[in-house]
C-alpha atoms as a PDB file:
ATOM      1  CA  MET A   1     -10.358  26.154 -39.337  1.00  0.00           C
ATOM      2  CA  ALA A   2     -12.640  26.826 -36.360  1.00  0.00           C
ATOM      3  CA  ASP A   3     -15.341  24.428 -35.303  1.00  0.00           C
ATOM      4  CA  ILE A   4     -18.865  25.848 -35.447  1.00  0.00           C
ATOM      5  CA  ALA A   5     -21.718  24.024 -33.752  1.00  0.00           C
ATOM      6  CA  ARG A   6     -25.162  24.808 -35.080  1.00  0.00           C
ATOM      7  CA  TYR A   7     -28.132  25.268 -32.766  1.00  0.00           C
ATOM      8  CA  PRO A   8     -31.577  26.870 -33.341  1.00  0.00           C
ATOM      9  CA  PHE A   9     -31.162  30.593 -33.681  1.00  0.00           C
ATOM     10  CA  THR A  10     -27.613  30.480 -32.359  1.00  0.00           C
ATOM     11  CA  ARG A  11     -24.148  29.095 -33.056  1.00  0.00           C
ATOM     12  CA  HIS A  12     -21.107  28.190 -31.016  1.00  0.00           C
ATOM     13  CA  LEU A  13     -17.549  28.725 -32.313  1.00  0.00           C
ATOM     14  CA  ARG A  14     -14.519  27.024 -30.947  1.00  0.00           C
ATOM     15  CA  GLY A  15     -11.148  28.248 -32.190  1.00  0.00           C
ATOM     16  CA  THR A  16      -7.698  26.659 -32.428  1.00  0.00           C
ATOM     17  CA  ALA A  17      -4.445  27.469 -30.756  1.00  0.00           C
ATOM     18  CA  THR A  18      -2.890  28.764 -33.992  1.00  0.00           C
ATOM     19  CA  ALA A  19      -5.742  30.941 -35.203  1.00  0.00           C
ATOM     20  CA  HIS A  20      -6.916  34.345 -34.031  1.00  0.00           C
ATOM     21  CA  VAL A  21     -10.732  34.567 -34.116  1.00  0.00           C
ATOM     22  CA  GLN A  22     -12.514  37.924 -34.214  1.00  0.00           C
ATOM     23  CA  HIS A  23     -16.276  38.448 -33.663  1.00  0.00           C
ATOM     24  CA  VAL A  24     -17.644  41.810 -34.852  1.00  0.00           C
ATOM     25  CA  ARG A  25     -21.244  42.784 -34.350  1.00  0.00           C
ATOM     26  CA  ASN A  26     -22.673  46.119 -35.532  1.00  0.00           C
ATOM     27  CA  GLY A  27     -19.150  47.389 -36.254  1.00  0.00           C
ATOM     28  CA  ARG A  28     -17.976  46.630 -32.762  1.00  0.00           C
ATOM     29  CA  THR A  29     -15.586  43.859 -31.771  1.00  0.00           C
ATOM     30  CA  VAL A  30     -17.384  41.562 -29.357  1.00  0.00           C
ATOM     31  CA  HIS A  31     -14.904  38.658 -29.124  1.00  0.00           C
ATOM     32  CA  ALA A  32     -11.277  38.484 -30.217  1.00  0.00           C
ATOM     33  CA  GLY A  33      -8.431  36.171 -29.283  1.00  0.00           C
ATOM     34  CA  THR A  34      -6.362  33.162 -30.147  1.00  0.00           C
ATOM     35  CA  GLY A  35      -8.119  29.880 -29.323  1.00  0.00           C
ATOM     36  CA  ALA A  36     -11.355  31.766 -28.300  1.00  0.00           C
ATOM     37  CA  SER A  37     -14.705  30.094 -27.904  1.00  0.00           C
ATOM     38  CA  PHE A  38     -18.063  31.951 -27.807  1.00  0.00           C
ATOM     39  CA  TRP A  39     -21.671  31.953 -28.794  1.00  0.00           C
ATOM     40  CA  PHE A  40     -23.009  34.187 -31.557  1.00  0.00           C
ATOM     41  CA  ARG A  41     -26.071  34.787 -33.649  1.00  0.00           C
ATOM     42  CA  PRO A  42     -25.370  34.041 -37.319  1.00  0.00           C
ATOM     43  CA  LEU A  43     -27.584  36.861 -38.674  1.00  0.00           C
ATOM     44  CA  SER A  44     -25.678  39.622 -36.876  1.00  0.00           C
ATOM     45  CA  ALA A  45     -22.173  38.267 -36.456  1.00  0.00           C
ATOM     46  CA  VAL A  46     -19.167  38.962 -38.686  1.00  0.00           C
ATOM     47  CA  LEU A  47     -16.487  36.332 -38.023  1.00  0.00           C
ATOM     48  CA  SER A  48     -12.800  36.452 -39.058  1.00  0.00           C
ATOM     49  CA  GLU A  49     -10.133  33.786 -38.579  1.00  0.00           C
ATOM     50  CA  ILE A  50      -6.536  34.864 -38.977  1.00  0.00           C
ATOM     51  CA  PRO A  51      -3.808  32.196 -38.701  1.00  0.00           C
ATOM     52  CA  VAL A  52      -0.943  33.256 -36.473  1.00  0.00           C
ATOM     53  CA  ASP A  53       1.351  30.298 -36.939  1.00  0.00           C
ATOM     54  CA  ASP A  54       4.504  30.331 -39.100  1.00  0.00           C
ATOM     55  CA  ARG A  55       3.789  29.674 -42.750  1.00  0.00           C
ATOM     56  CA  GLU A  56       6.184  28.463 -45.462  1.00  0.00           C
ATOM     57  CA  LEU A  57       5.872  30.004 -48.909  1.00  0.00           C
ATOM     58  CA  PRO A  58       7.912  28.232 -51.619  1.00  0.00           C
ATOM     59  CA  LEU A  59       9.099  30.439 -54.482  1.00  0.00           C
ATOM     60  CA  LEU A  60      10.228  29.398 -57.912  1.00  0.00           C
ATOM     61  CA  PHE A  61      10.805  32.113 -60.507  1.00  0.00           C
ATOM     62  CA  HIS A  62      13.008  32.958 -63.484  1.00  0.00           C
ATOM     63  CA  ALA A  63      15.466  35.805 -63.715  1.00  0.00           C
ATOM     64  CA  ARG A  64      17.970  37.176 -66.214  1.00  0.00           C
ATOM     65  CA  THR A  65      21.570  37.937 -65.371  1.00  0.00           C
ATOM     66  CA  ALA A  66      23.724  40.834 -66.586  1.00  0.00           C
ATOM     67  CA  ASP A  67      25.097  38.662 -69.453  1.00  0.00           C
ATOM     68  CA  TYR A  68      21.547  37.852 -70.614  1.00  0.00           C
ATOM     69  CA  GLN A  69      21.419  34.353 -69.249  1.00  0.00           C
ATOM     70  CA  ASP A  70      18.216  32.905 -67.807  1.00  0.00           C
ATOM     71  CA  VAL A  71      18.412  31.416 -64.333  1.00  0.00           C
ATOM     72  CA  THR A  72      15.884  29.743 -62.053  1.00  0.00           C
ATOM     73  CA  VAL A  73      15.705  30.802 -58.406  1.00  0.00           C
ATOM     74  CA  GLN A  74      14.301  28.375 -55.867  1.00  0.00           C
ATOM     75  CA  ALA A  75      13.630  29.915 -52.434  1.00  0.00           C
ATOM     76  CA  THR A  76      11.379  29.665 -49.406  1.00  0.00           C
ATOM     77  CA  VAL A  77       9.955  32.539 -47.344  1.00  0.00           C
ATOM     78  CA  THR A  78       8.754  31.960 -43.795  1.00  0.00           C
ATOM     79  CA  PHE A  79       6.210  34.510 -42.494  1.00  0.00           C
ATOM     80  CA  ARG A  80       3.452  34.933 -39.947  1.00  0.00           C
ATOM     81  CA  VAL A  81       0.762  37.413 -38.985  1.00  0.00           C
ATOM     82  CA  THR A  82       1.922  39.559 -36.067  1.00  0.00           C
ATOM     83  CA  ASP A  83      -1.111  41.876 -35.904  1.00  0.00           C
ATOM     84  CA  PRO A  84      -4.301  39.860 -36.586  1.00  0.00           C
ATOM     85  CA  ALA A  85      -6.623  42.836 -36.198  1.00  0.00           C
ATOM     86  CA  GLN A  86      -4.630  44.922 -38.666  1.00  0.00           C
ATOM     87  CA  ALA A  87      -4.416  41.981 -41.088  1.00  0.00           C
ATOM     88  CA  ALA A  88      -8.170  41.427 -40.833  1.00  0.00           C
ATOM     89  CA  GLY A  89      -8.704  45.098 -41.683  1.00  0.00           C
ATOM     90  CA  ARG A  90      -6.497  44.871 -44.825  1.00  0.00           C
ATOM     91  CA  ILE A  91      -7.248  41.356 -46.086  1.00  0.00           C
ATOM     92  CA  ASP A  92     -10.562  39.484 -46.104  1.00  0.00           C
ATOM     93  CA  PHE A  93     -10.161  36.726 -43.494  1.00  0.00           C
ATOM     94  CA  SER A  94     -13.960  36.442 -42.875  1.00  0.00           C
ATOM     95  CA  VAL A  95     -15.460  32.974 -42.457  1.00  0.00           C
ATOM     96  CA  HIS A  96     -18.977  31.630 -43.080  1.00  0.00           C
ATOM     97  CA  PRO A  97     -20.982  31.507 -39.827  1.00  0.00           C
ATOM     98  CA  ASP A  98     -22.380  28.056 -40.648  1.00  0.00           C
ATOM     99  CA  THR A  99     -19.330  26.181 -42.024  1.00  0.00           C
ATOM    100  CA  GLY A 100     -16.367  28.195 -40.700  1.00  0.00           C
ATOM    101  CA  ALA A 101     -14.750  28.255 -44.198  1.00  0.00           C
ATOM    102  CA  TRP A 102     -13.134  31.388 -45.584  1.00  0.00           C
ATOM    103  CA  ARG A 103     -15.312  33.330 -47.899  1.00  0.00           C
ATOM    104  CA  ALA A 104     -12.277  34.513 -49.930  1.00  0.00           C
ATOM    105  CA  THR A 105      -8.668  33.306 -50.425  1.00  0.00           C
ATOM    106  CA  PRO A 106      -6.716  35.430 -47.949  1.00  0.00           C
ATOM    107  CA  LEU A 107      -3.624  33.193 -47.833  1.00  0.00           C
ATOM    108  CA  GLU A 108      -3.342  33.307 -51.632  1.00  0.00           C
ATOM    109  CA  GLN A 109      -3.430  37.105 -51.470  1.00  0.00           C
ATOM    110  CA  VAL A 110      -0.651  37.072 -48.858  1.00  0.00           C
ATOM    111  CA  ALA A 111       1.410  34.601 -50.892  1.00  0.00           C
ATOM    112  CA  GLY A 112       1.015  36.697 -54.053  1.00  0.00           C
ATOM    113  CA  MET A 113       2.135  39.848 -52.202  1.00  0.00           C
ATOM    114  CA  LEU A 114       5.184  38.169 -50.722  1.00  0.00           C
ATOM    115  CA  THR A 115       6.082  36.441 -53.997  1.00  0.00           C
ATOM    116  CA  GLU A 116       5.949  39.648 -56.009  1.00  0.00           C
ATOM    117  CA  SER A 117       8.000  41.554 -53.455  1.00  0.00           C
ATOM    118  CA  ALA A 118      10.634  38.813 -53.158  1.00  0.00           C
ATOM    119  CA  GLN A 119      10.893  38.419 -56.939  1.00  0.00           C
ATOM    120  CA  GLN A 120      11.290  42.167 -57.408  1.00  0.00           C
ATOM    121  CA  HIS A 121      14.286  42.322 -55.075  1.00  0.00           C
ATOM    122  CA  ALA A 122      15.870  39.149 -56.502  1.00  0.00           C
ATOM    123  CA  LEU A 123      15.440  40.337 -60.127  1.00  0.00           C
ATOM    124  CA  GLU A 124      17.027  43.678 -59.359  1.00  0.00           C
ATOM    125  CA  LEU A 125      20.103  42.014 -57.872  1.00  0.00           C
ATOM    126  CA  LEU A 126      20.540  39.330 -60.550  1.00  0.00           C
ATOM    127  CA  ALA A 127      20.124  41.890 -63.340  1.00  0.00           C
ATOM    128  CA  ARG A 128      23.475  43.425 -62.178  1.00  0.00           C
ATOM    129  CA  THR A 129      25.209  40.057 -61.660  1.00  0.00           C
ATOM    130  CA  THR A 130      26.849  37.882 -64.250  1.00  0.00           C
ATOM    131  CA  LEU A 131      25.976  34.233 -64.563  1.00  0.00           C
ATOM    132  CA  ALA A 132      29.304  33.058 -63.148  1.00  0.00           C
ATOM    133  CA  GLU A 133      28.954  35.366 -60.094  1.00  0.00           C
ATOM    134  CA  ALA A 134      25.328  34.313 -59.614  1.00  0.00           C
ATOM    135  CA  LEU A 135      26.235  30.640 -59.634  1.00  0.00           C
ATOM    136  CA  ALA A 136      29.291  31.169 -57.466  1.00  0.00           C
ATOM    137  CA  SER A 137      28.029  33.478 -54.732  1.00  0.00           C
ATOM    138  CA  GLY A 138      24.505  34.449 -55.777  1.00  0.00           C
ATOM    139  CA  VAL A 139      22.681  32.295 -53.225  1.00  0.00           C
ATOM    140  CA  ALA A 140      23.854  34.261 -50.198  1.00  0.00           C
ATOM    141  CA  ALA A 141      23.489  37.605 -51.955  1.00  0.00           C
ATOM    142  CA  VAL A 142      19.956  36.873 -53.154  1.00  0.00           C
ATOM    143  CA  ARG A 143      18.948  35.585 -49.680  1.00  0.00           C
ATOM    144  CA  GLU A 144      20.247  38.710 -47.977  1.00  0.00           C
ATOM    145  CA  ARG A 145      18.656  41.005 -50.575  1.00  0.00           C
ATOM    146  CA  ILE A 146      15.227  39.322 -50.322  1.00  0.00           C
ATOM    147  CA  ALA A 147      15.301  39.337 -46.502  1.00  0.00           C
ATOM    148  CA  ALA A 148      16.296  42.987 -46.336  1.00  0.00           C
ATOM    149  CA  GLY A 149      13.762  44.000 -48.976  1.00  0.00           C
ATOM    150  CA  LEU A 150      10.843  42.240 -47.309  1.00  0.00           C
ATOM    151  CA  ALA A 151      11.772  43.558 -43.889  1.00  0.00           C
ATOM    152  CA  ALA A 152      11.798  47.101 -45.268  1.00  0.00           C
ATOM    153  CA  ASP A 153       8.563  46.745 -47.300  1.00  0.00           C
ATOM    154  CA  PRO A 154       5.986  49.073 -45.708  1.00  0.00           C
ATOM    155  CA  ARG A 155       3.054  47.253 -47.235  1.00  0.00           C
ATOM    156  CA  LEU A 156       3.862  44.131 -45.254  1.00  0.00           C
ATOM    157  CA  SER A 157       4.147  45.995 -41.993  1.00  0.00           C
ATOM    158  CA  GLU A 158       0.887  47.818 -42.681  1.00  0.00           C
ATOM    159  CA  THR A 159      -0.762  44.486 -43.338  1.00  0.00           C
ATOM    160  CA  GLY A 160       0.493  43.067 -40.040  1.00  0.00           C
ATOM    161  CA  LEU A 161       2.831  40.550 -41.657  1.00  0.00           C
ATOM    162  CA  ALA A 162       6.377  39.769 -40.567  1.00  0.00           C
ATOM    163  CA  VAL A 163       8.995  37.774 -42.483  1.00  0.00           C
ATOM    164  CA  ILE A 164      10.679  35.273 -40.156  1.00  0.00           C
ATOM    165  CA  GLY A 165      13.325  33.958 -42.536  1.00  0.00           C
ATOM    166  CA  VAL A 166      14.337  33.574 -46.149  1.00  0.00           C
ATOM    167  CA  ARG A 167      16.098  30.513 -47.619  1.00  0.00           C
ATOM    168  CA  VAL A 168      17.467  30.405 -51.168  1.00  0.00           C
ATOM    169  CA  VAL A 169      17.849  26.747 -52.098  1.00  0.00           C
ATOM    170  CA  ALA A 170      19.445  27.065 -55.536  1.00  0.00           C
ATOM    171  CA  ILE A 171      20.125  29.281 -58.524  1.00  0.00           C
ATOM    172  CA  ARG A 172      20.350  27.170 -61.649  1.00  0.00           C
ATOM    173  CA  PRO A 173      20.871  28.112 -65.279  1.00  0.00           C
ATOM    174  CA  GLU A 174      19.169  26.517 -68.258  1.00  0.00           C
ATOM    175  CA  PRO A 175      19.976  22.852 -68.854  1.00  0.00           C
ATOM    176  CA  ASP A 176      22.085  23.543 -71.965  1.00  0.00           C
ATOM    177  CA  MET A 177      24.031  26.272 -70.213  1.00  0.00           C
ATOM    178  CA  GLU A 178      24.431  24.134 -67.120  1.00  0.00           C
ATOM    179  CA  ARG A 179      25.877  21.305 -69.187  1.00  0.00           C
ATOM    180  CA  ALA A 180      28.191  23.762 -70.959  1.00  0.00           C
ATOM    181  CA  LEU A 181      29.353  25.154 -67.614  1.00  0.00           C
ATOM    182  CA  GLN A 182      29.846  21.648 -66.248  1.00  0.00           C
ATOM    183  CA  THR A 183      32.024  20.654 -69.226  1.00  0.00           C
ATOM    184  CA  PRO A 184      35.264  22.347 -68.068  1.00  0.00           C
ATOM    185  CA  SER A 185      34.829  20.933 -64.608  1.00  0.00           C
ATOM    186  CA  ARG A 186      34.073  17.514 -66.012  1.00  0.00           C
ATOM    187  CA  GLU A 187      37.075  17.791 -68.288  1.00  0.00           C
ATOM    188  CA  GLN A 188      39.235  18.871 -65.395  1.00  0.00           C
ATOM    189  CA  VAL A 189      37.931  16.041 -63.253  1.00  0.00           C
ATOM    190  CA  GLN A 190      38.539  13.634 -66.160  1.00  0.00           C
ATOM    191  CA  GLN A 191      42.035  14.992 -66.589  1.00  0.00           C
ATOM    192  CA  ASP A 192      42.651  14.615 -62.899  1.00  0.00           C
ATOM    193  CA  ALA A 193      41.303  11.044 -63.103  1.00  0.00           C
ATOM    194  CA  ASP A 194      43.500  10.313 -66.118  1.00  0.00           C
ATOM    195  CA  ARG A 195      46.503  11.863 -64.340  1.00  0.00           C
ATOM    196  CA  ALA A 196      45.752   9.746 -61.269  1.00  0.00           C
ATOM    197  CA  THR A 197      45.455   6.693 -63.521  1.00  0.00           C
ATOM    198  CA  PHE A 198      48.728   7.510 -65.251  1.00  0.00           C
ATOM    199  CA  GLU A 199      50.431   8.142 -61.924  1.00  0.00           C
ATOM    200  CA  ARG A 200      49.097   4.855 -60.596  1.00  0.00           C
ATOM    201  CA  ARG A 201      50.321   3.095 -63.685  1.00  0.00           C
ATOM    202  CA  ALA A 202      53.679   4.857 -63.391  1.00  0.00           C
ATOM    203  CA  VAL A 203      53.904   3.783 -59.765  1.00  0.00           C
ATOM    204  CA  ALA A 204      52.974   0.223 -60.768  1.00  0.00           C
ATOM    205  CA  VAL A 205      55.608   0.280 -63.559  1.00  0.00           C
ATOM    206  CA  GLU A 206      58.185   1.675 -61.146  1.00  0.00           C
ATOM    207  CA  ARG A 207      57.334  -1.000 -58.621  1.00  0.00           C
ATOM    208  CA  GLU A 208      57.537  -3.676 -61.327  1.00  0.00           C
ATOM    209  CA  ARG A 209      60.895  -2.244 -62.414  1.00  0.00           C
ATOM    210  CA  ALA A 210      62.097  -2.304 -58.815  1.00  0.00           C
ATOM    211  CA  ILE A 211      60.926  -5.886 -58.478  1.00  0.00           C
ATOM    212  CA  SER A 212      62.657  -6.811 -61.750  1.00  0.00           C
ATOM    213  CA  GLU A 213      65.854  -5.054 -60.623  1.00  0.00           C
ATOM    214  CA  ASN A 214      65.676  -6.909 -57.338  1.00  0.00           C
ATOM    215  CA  GLU A 215      65.190 -10.221 -59.160  1.00  0.00           C
ATOM    216  CA  LEU A 216      68.076  -9.352 -61.507  1.00  0.00           C
ATOM    217  CA  GLN A 217      70.279  -8.422 -58.577  1.00  0.00           C
ATOM    218  CA  SER A 218      69.309 -11.683 -56.945  1.00  0.00           C
ATOM    219  CA  GLN A 219      70.207 -13.597 -60.108  1.00  0.00           C
ATOM    220  CA  ILE A 220      73.507 -11.719 -60.399  1.00  0.00           C
ATOM    221  CA  GLU A 221      74.301 -12.441 -56.757  1.00  0.00           C
ATOM    222  CA  LEU A 222      73.345 -16.067 -57.252  1.00  0.00           C
ATOM    223  CA  ALA A 223      75.525 -16.309 -60.392  1.00  0.00           C
ATOM    224  CA  ARG A 224      78.414 -14.676 -58.500  1.00  0.00           C
ATOM    225  CA  ARG A 225      78.034 -17.118 -55.695  1.00  0.00           C
ATOM    226  CA  GLU A 226      77.815 -19.983 -58.177  1.00  0.00           C
ATOM    227  CA  GLU A 227      81.021 -18.699 -59.761  1.00  0.00           C
ATOM    228  CA  GLN A 228      82.660 -18.600 -56.363  1.00  0.00           C
ATOM    229  CA  LEU A 229      81.355 -22.115 -55.683  1.00  0.00           C
ATOM    230  CA  VAL A 230      82.753 -23.356 -59.059  1.00  0.00           C
ATOM    231  CA  ASP A 231      86.080 -21.682 -58.341  1.00  0.00           C
ATOM    232  CA  GLN A 232      86.210 -23.162 -54.885  1.00  0.00           C
ATOM    233  CA  GLN A 233      85.227 -26.554 -56.227  1.00  0.00           C
ATOM    234  CA  GLY A 234      87.990 -26.269 -58.871  1.00  0.00           C
ATOM    235  CA  THR A 235      90.445 -25.197 -56.228  1.00  0.00           C
ATOM    236  CA  ASN A 236      89.405 -28.089 -54.053  1.00  0.00           C
ATOM    237  CA  ALA A 237      89.655 -30.521 -56.978  1.00  0.00           C
ATOM    238  CA  ARG A 238      93.073 -29.124 -57.929  1.00  0.00           C
ATOM    239  CA  ARG A 239      94.210 -29.434 -54.338  1.00  0.00           C
ATOM    240  CA  ARG A 240      92.849 -33.021 -54.212  1.00  0.00           C
ATOM    241  CA  ALA A 241      94.634 -33.771 -57.516  1.00  0.00           C
ATOM    242  CA  GLU A 242      97.827 -32.255 -56.231  1.00  0.00           C
ATOM    243  CA  GLU A 243      97.580 -34.108 -52.950  1.00  0.00           C
ATOM    244  CA  ALA A 244      96.774 -37.295 -54.851  1.00  0.00           C
ATOM    245  CA  ALA A 245      99.732 -36.668 -57.216  1.00  0.00           C
ATOM    246  CA  VAL A 246     102.032 -36.051 -54.237  1.00  0.00           C
ATOM    247  CA  ALA A 247     100.732 -39.128 -52.533  1.00  0.00           C
ATOM    248  CA  THR A 248     101.080 -41.142 -55.765  1.00  0.00           C
ATOM    249  CA  GLY A 249     104.632 -39.822 -56.200  1.00  0.00           C
ATOM    250  CA  ILE A 250     105.530 -40.717 -52.686  1.00  0.00           C
ATOM    251  CA  GLU A 251     103.956 -44.162 -53.127  1.00  0.00           C
ATOM    252  CA  THR A 252     105.725 -44.586 -56.480  1.00  0.00           C
ATOM    253  CA  ASP A 253     108.993 -43.514 -54.997  1.00  0.00           C
ATOM    254  CA  ALA A 254     108.474 -45.894 -52.148  1.00  0.00           C
ATOM    255  CA  GLN A 255     107.474 -48.685 -54.525  1.00  0.00           C
ATOM    256  CA  ALA A 256     110.510 -47.936 -56.759  1.00  0.00           C
ATOM    257  CA  SER A 257     112.745 -47.878 -53.734  1.00  0.00           C
ATOM    258  CA  ARG A 258     111.262 -51.175 -52.577  1.00  0.00           C
ATOM    259  CA  GLU A 259     111.633 -52.706 -56.021  1.00  0.00           C
ATOM    260  CA  LEU A 260     115.201 -51.306 -56.332  1.00  0.00           C
ATOM    261  CA  ARG A 261     116.140 -52.773 -52.997  1.00  0.00           C
ATOM    262  CA  LEU A 262     114.434 -56.011 -53.951  1.00  0.00           C
ATOM    263  CA  ALA A 263     116.222 -56.053 -57.324  1.00  0.00           C
ATOM    264  CA  GLU A 264     119.489 -55.313 -55.611  1.00  0.00           C
ATOM    265  CA  SER A 265     118.822 -58.094 -53.138  1.00  0.00           C
ATOM    266  CA  ARG A 266     117.886 -60.459 -55.946  1.00  0.00           C
ATOM    267  CA  ALA A 267     120.949 -59.387 -57.949  1.00  0.00           C
ATOM    268  CA  ASP A 268     123.116 -59.903 -54.919  1.00  0.00           C
ATOM    269  CA  GLY A 269     121.517 -63.312 -54.388  1.00  0.00           C
ATOM    270  CA  ALA A 270     121.862 -64.200 -58.063  1.00  0.00           C
ATOM    271  CA  ARG A 271     125.430 -62.934 -58.019  1.00  0.00           C
ATOM    272  CA  ALA A 272     126.204 -64.979 -54.960  1.00  0.00           C
ATOM    273  CA  MET A 273     124.514 -68.056 -56.471  1.00  0.00           C
ATOM    274  CA  GLY A 274     126.351 -67.523 -59.722  1.00  0.00           C
ATOM    275  CA  GLU A 275     129.631 -67.156 -57.944  1.00  0.00           C
ATOM    276  CA  ALA A 276     128.836 -70.297 -55.909  1.00  0.00           C
ATOM    277  CA  ALA A 277     127.758 -72.140 -59.062  1.00  0.00           C
ATOM    278  CA  ALA A 278     130.865 -70.934 -60.856  1.00  0.00           C
ATOM    279  CA  ALA A 279     133.050 -71.975 -57.948  1.00  0.00           C
ATOM    280  CA  ALA A 280     131.274 -75.357 -57.877  1.00  0.00           C
ATOM    281  CA  GLU A 281     131.638 -75.759 -61.626  1.00  0.00           C
ATOM    282  CA  THR A 282     135.267 -74.709 -61.386  1.00  0.00           C
ATOM    283  CA  ALA A 283     135.821 -77.249 -58.665  1.00  0.00           C
ATOM    284  CA  ARG A 284     133.934 -79.885 -60.602  1.00  0.00           C
ATOM    285  CA  VAL A 285     135.907 -79.108 -63.760  1.00  0.00           C
ATOM    286  CA  ALA A 286     139.091 -79.156 -61.778  1.00  0.00           C
ATOM    287  CA  ALA A 287     138.076 -82.550 -60.377  1.00  0.00           C
ATOM    288  CA  TYR A 288     137.265 -83.939 -63.872  1.00  0.00           C
ATOM    289  CA  ARG A 289     140.456 -82.510 -65.343  1.00  0.00           C
ATOM    290  CA  ASP A 290     142.805 -85.109 -63.714  1.00  0.00           C
ATOM    291  CA  LEU A 291     140.570 -88.130 -64.474  1.00  0.00           C
ATOM    292  CA  PRO A 292     141.430 -90.603 -67.290  1.00  0.00           C
ATOM    293  CA  ASP A 293     139.542 -90.520 -70.509  1.00  0.00           C
ATOM    294  CA  ALA A 294     137.877 -93.813 -69.863  1.00  0.00           C
ATOM    295  CA  VAL A 295     136.575 -92.573 -66.561  1.00  0.00           C
ATOM    296  CA  MET A 296     135.392 -89.434 -68.182  1.00  0.00           C
ATOM    297  CA  LEU A 297     133.644 -91.456 -70.846  1.00  0.00           C
ATOM    298  CA  GLY A 298     132.038 -93.628 -68.224  1.00  0.00           C
ATOM    299  CA  LEU A 299     130.857 -90.633 -66.310  1.00  0.00           C
ATOM    300  CA  ALA A 300     129.474 -89.130 -69.463  1.00  0.00           C
ATOM    301  CA  VAL A 301     127.645 -92.374 -70.217  1.00  0.00           C
ATOM    302  CA  MET A 302     126.305 -92.421 -66.700  1.00  0.00           C
ATOM    303  CA  GLN A 303     125.193 -88.815 -66.971  1.00  0.00           C
ATOM    304  CA  LEU A 304     123.587 -89.570 -70.272  1.00  0.00           C
ATOM    305  CA  ALA A 305     121.852 -92.563 -68.900  1.00  0.00           C
ATOM    306  CA  ALA A 306     120.553 -90.579 -66.001  1.00  0.00           C
ATOM    307  CA  ASN A 307     119.122 -87.902 -68.257  1.00  0.00           C
ATOM    308  CA  VAL A 308     117.949 -89.993 -71.235  1.00  0.00           C
ATOM    309  CA  GLY A 309     115.246 -91.809 -69.385  1.00  0.00           C
ATOM    310  CA  LYS A 310     113.851 -95.212 -70.460  1.00  0.00           C
ATOM    311  CA  VAL A 311     115.773 -96.895 -73.351  1.00  0.00           C
ATOM    312  CA  ASP A 312     113.750 -99.676 -75.067  1.00  0.00           C
ATOM    313  CA  SER A 313     116.527-100.732 -77.472  1.00  0.00           C
ATOM    314  CA  LEU A 314     120.180 -99.846 -78.083  1.00  0.00           C
ATOM    315  CA  VAL A 315     121.841-100.330 -81.456  1.00  0.00           C
ATOM    316  CA  VAL A 316     125.640-100.580 -81.353  1.00  0.00           C
ATOM    317  CA  THR A 317     127.334-100.432 -84.721  1.00  0.00           C
ATOM    318  CA  PRO A 318     130.850-101.482 -85.547  1.00  0.00           C
ATOM    319  CA  ASP A 319     131.789 -97.946 -86.339  1.00  0.00           C
ATOM    320  CA  LEU A 320     130.990 -97.043 -82.696  1.00  0.00           C
ATOM    321  CA  LEU A 321     132.700 -99.960 -81.049  1.00  0.00           C
ATOM    322  CA  ALA A 322     135.813-100.131 -83.136  1.00  0.00           C
ATOM    323  CA  PRO A 323     137.527 -97.036 -81.703  1.00  0.00           C
ATOM    324  CA  VAL A 324     136.454 -97.963 -78.175  1.00  0.00           C
ATOM    325  CA  LEU A 325     137.833-101.468 -78.422  1.00  0.00           C
ATOM    326  CA  ALA A 326     141.042-100.167 -79.938  1.00  0.00           C
ATOM    327  CA  ARG A 327     141.591 -97.772 -77.110  1.00  0.00           C
ATOM    328  CA  LEU A 328     140.809-100.431 -74.527  1.00  0.00           C
ATOM    329  CA  GLY A 329     143.322-102.780 -76.119  1.00  0.00           C
ATOM    330  CA  ALA A 330     145.996-100.162 -76.186  1.00  0.00           C
ATOM    331  CA  ALA A 331     145.352 -99.318 -72.595  1.00  0.00           C
ATOM    332  CA  ARG A 332     145.735-102.895 -71.458  1.00  0.00           C
ATOM    333  CA  GLY A 333     148.971-103.379 -73.373  1.00  0.00           C
ATOM    334  CA  ALA A 334     150.613-100.311 -72.043  1.00  0.00           C
ATOM    335  CA  GLY A 335     149.513-100.646 -68.430  1.00  0.00           C
ATOM    336  CA  PRO A 336     149.011 -97.941 -66.042  1.00  0.00           C
ATOM    337  CA  GLU A 337     151.638 -95.239 -66.239  1.00  0.00           C
ATOM    338  CA  PRO A 338     151.958 -92.300 -63.973  1.00  0.00           C
ATOM    339  CA  ARG A 339     151.071 -89.085 -65.765  1.00  0.00           C
ATOM    340  CA  ALA A 340     153.498 -86.263 -65.583  1.00  0.00           C
ATOM    341  CA  GLY A 341     152.588 -82.654 -65.799  1.00  0.00           C
ATOM    342  CA  GLY A 342     149.542 -80.775 -64.775  1.00  0.00           C
ATOM    343  CA  SER A 343     147.667 -81.160 -68.075  1.00  0.00           C
ATOM    344  CA  GLY A 344     145.565 -84.137 -69.080  1.00  0.00           C
ATOM    345  CA  GLY A 345     145.710 -85.922 -72.421  1.00  0.00           C
ATOM    346  CA  GLN A 346     142.838 -86.200 -74.828  1.00  0.00           C
ATOM    347  CA  ALA A 347     141.399 -89.595 -75.958  1.00  0.00           C
END
């Protein structure tokens, strides 16, 4: 909005860089330009301020598709005034000479004109498009249709307006229909998620199975090696037993051989001693064989006395002495006689 300074009987207007100011007096343009500054008399001046900057016009309207479904179109139209003088002649952009405020609502008129034109083109296109097509590729089609329609609208060109750009933000169905349309996708996403979960579980189970198989193979290999160890230990024990048995047999044989040789030596010694004892006994018997009976008896008594030990008392009975005395008497009467023959007599 332009700045207007008030003085007695006169005013001073100072415009902005984005507004075209036009001063008309008595039907003739006195001052006109963007960012103009001038003096004027309020009683005779007609002032107009036309913005020439780019303006954004948001649009939000409902439409019906070919399959009788309601959709909401959200778009934005960018426009500007390219011919301020022509726009001032078609739309009331006049401002109050004291305050600089618009006397009417020119921007609302421009917005209504652009909105109606854009809606008309969008409704015509969506009326021949199904809901699925509108949601899938309707944004680009609606944007192109609105831009082409506004560019070809003669009323806009005659008003001095130009559309810079059109943006369609979204085309959305009713909430219930949107949820219904989202259901298959949600179900598909859920199925994909479940499938991924199942696959992950299957992979986990497969990995657990592989781990279990590896553990089982390890246990089998360990058992096989333990079996080999037991077999080897048995073989070693058997070999040790066999070696011990062989060593024991050799030692037994050696011991038996030693004992046999010792027994033979002892037997030979005993045999030699027996033979010597027998020879001695034979010689002793042969020596005793030629002795008289009295001598033999004396020797026997001497041998008895040597072996009896200590004799405290000796009892001699007549029965014992009678035969001895008789023999002694007979021997004295006969005298010594030479004994013929090789055999000895018995007393």
